[in-house]
Protein backbone atom coordinates (compact mmCIF):
# COMPACT_ATOMS: atom_id res chain seq x y z
CA UNK A 1 68.90 -25.09 -1.04
CA UNK A 2 72.10 -25.24 -2.99
CA UNK A 3 74.34 -28.27 -3.18
CA UNK A 4 78.08 -28.11 -2.66
CA UNK A 5 80.52 -28.39 -5.55
CA UNK A 6 81.86 -31.59 -4.01
CA UNK A 7 78.36 -33.07 -3.87
CA UNK A 8 77.66 -32.11 -7.50
CA UNK A 9 80.98 -33.57 -8.64
CA UNK A 10 80.33 -36.83 -6.78
CA UNK A 11 76.97 -37.20 -8.54
CA UNK A 12 78.49 -36.38 -11.94
CA UNK A 13 81.16 -39.08 -11.58
CA UNK A 14 78.81 -41.78 -10.25
CA UNK A 15 77.98 -44.42 -12.86
CA UNK A 16 74.36 -44.89 -13.85
CA UNK A 17 74.90 -48.68 -13.80
CA UNK A 18 75.85 -48.59 -10.12
CA UNK A 19 72.55 -46.91 -9.19
CA UNK A 20 70.24 -48.68 -11.66
CA UNK A 21 70.02 -51.96 -9.66
CA UNK A 22 69.01 -49.90 -6.62
CA UNK A 23 66.20 -48.30 -8.64
CA UNK A 24 65.02 -51.76 -9.74
CA UNK A 25 65.20 -53.08 -6.18
CA UNK A 26 63.30 -50.11 -4.80
CA UNK A 27 60.38 -50.32 -7.24
CA UNK A 28 60.11 -54.12 -7.18
CA UNK A 29 60.12 -54.17 -3.37
CA UNK A 30 57.05 -51.93 -3.53
CA UNK A 31 55.22 -54.10 -6.07
CA UNK A 32 56.07 -52.19 -9.25
CA UNK A 33 57.87 -53.68 -12.25
CA UNK A 34 61.15 -53.22 -14.05
CA UNK A 35 59.09 -52.48 -17.18
CA UNK A 36 57.36 -49.59 -15.39
CA UNK A 37 60.77 -48.31 -14.29
CA UNK A 38 61.97 -48.43 -17.89
CA UNK A 39 58.85 -46.55 -18.99
CA UNK A 40 59.65 -43.79 -16.48
CA UNK A 41 63.32 -43.61 -17.51
CA UNK A 42 62.38 -43.53 -21.21
CA UNK A 43 59.87 -40.73 -20.59
CA UNK A 44 62.53 -38.61 -18.89
CA UNK A 45 65.55 -39.40 -21.08
CA UNK A 46 64.31 -40.86 -24.36
CA UNK A 47 66.39 -44.01 -23.79
CA UNK A 48 64.70 -47.27 -24.80
CA UNK A 49 65.57 -50.54 -23.12
CA UNK A 50 68.33 -51.45 -25.60
CA UNK A 51 70.06 -48.07 -25.28
CA UNK A 52 69.69 -48.17 -21.51
CA UNK A 53 71.43 -51.55 -21.36
CA UNK A 54 74.21 -50.27 -23.61
CA UNK A 55 74.79 -47.29 -21.30
CA UNK A 56 74.91 -49.61 -18.28
CA UNK A 57 77.36 -51.94 -20.05
CA UNK A 58 79.52 -48.95 -21.05
CA UNK A 59 79.61 -47.84 -17.40
CA UNK A 60 78.68 -44.24 -18.27
CA UNK A 61 78.67 -41.63 -15.55
CA UNK A 62 75.54 -39.65 -14.76
CA UNK A 63 77.26 -36.74 -16.50
CA UNK A 64 77.59 -38.71 -19.77
CA UNK A 65 74.17 -40.31 -19.28
CA UNK A 66 72.38 -36.95 -19.21
CA UNK A 67 74.59 -35.47 -21.96
CA UNK A 68 73.29 -38.24 -24.25
CA UNK A 69 69.69 -37.90 -23.05
CA UNK A 70 66.91 -35.95 -24.72
CA UNK A 71 65.23 -34.59 -21.61
CA UNK A 72 61.44 -34.58 -21.78
CA UNK A 73 59.99 -31.11 -22.33
CA UNK A 74 57.78 -31.57 -19.25
CA UNK A 75 60.67 -32.51 -16.94
CA UNK A 76 60.48 -29.04 -15.37
CA UNK A 77 57.07 -30.08 -13.97
CA UNK A 78 58.89 -32.46 -11.61
CA UNK A 79 58.96 -30.64 -8.29
CA UNK A 80 59.12 -31.44 -4.61
CA UNK A 81 61.69 -32.74 -2.17
CA UNK A 82 63.98 -35.70 -2.80
CA UNK A 83 67.04 -36.69 -0.76
CA UNK A 84 66.52 -33.60 1.39
CA UNK A 85 66.68 -31.16 -1.53
CA UNK A 86 63.84 -29.18 -3.11
CA UNK A 87 64.29 -30.01 -6.80
CA UNK A 88 63.26 -26.63 -8.13
CA UNK A 89 65.93 -24.95 -5.97
CA UNK A 90 68.87 -27.09 -7.11
CA UNK A 91 71.18 -24.80 -9.07
CA UNK A 92 73.47 -27.34 -10.74
CA UNK A 93 71.71 -28.53 -13.93
CA UNK A 94 73.15 -32.06 -13.82
CA UNK A 95 72.32 -32.57 -10.15
CA UNK A 96 68.78 -31.33 -10.87
CA UNK A 97 68.39 -33.89 -13.70
CA UNK A 98 69.61 -36.72 -11.49
CA UNK A 99 67.13 -35.65 -8.81
CA UNK A 100 64.36 -35.58 -11.46
CA UNK A 101 65.10 -39.26 -12.06
CA UNK A 102 65.29 -40.01 -8.33
CA UNK A 103 61.93 -38.30 -7.79
CA UNK A 104 60.24 -40.26 -10.59
CA UNK A 105 61.58 -43.55 -9.21
CA UNK A 106 60.39 -42.55 -5.75
CA UNK A 107 56.90 -41.73 -7.04
CA UNK A 108 56.76 -45.07 -8.87
CA UNK A 109 57.78 -46.93 -5.71
CA UNK A 110 55.17 -45.07 -3.68
CA UNK A 111 52.42 -46.36 -5.97
CA UNK A 112 51.60 -43.13 -7.78
CA UNK A 113 49.62 -43.59 -10.98
CA UNK A 114 51.73 -43.70 -14.13
CA UNK A 115 49.88 -40.81 -15.81
CA UNK A 116 50.69 -38.60 -12.80
CA UNK A 117 54.35 -39.70 -12.76
CA UNK A 118 54.69 -38.98 -16.48
CA UNK A 119 53.14 -35.54 -16.04
CA UNK A 120 50.48 -36.20 -18.68
């Protein structure tokens, strides 16, 4: 399933800091911790807690966020459906990376074991 150019552009211009509190809320509501969320984000992007906070404070877009990221070599192992899209079929590279993050957060919230989430 391909996404529209308008959809991809909307995701690119969205700030990471506007979505981050929703990630925290989602995982905490399901009994997981902010620390676990940070572990998942660091695995995917290489961003430690200090760098993550700096990016939030700087109000970076998802486009800038993933340009600065060092994507984990095993990120391509993240598959499945998130937000109605099959990740492995998303053509736009940035949209695919954002959906990788969404999928990891979703798996964390659903109680999946950390070693499974981190594809280790």
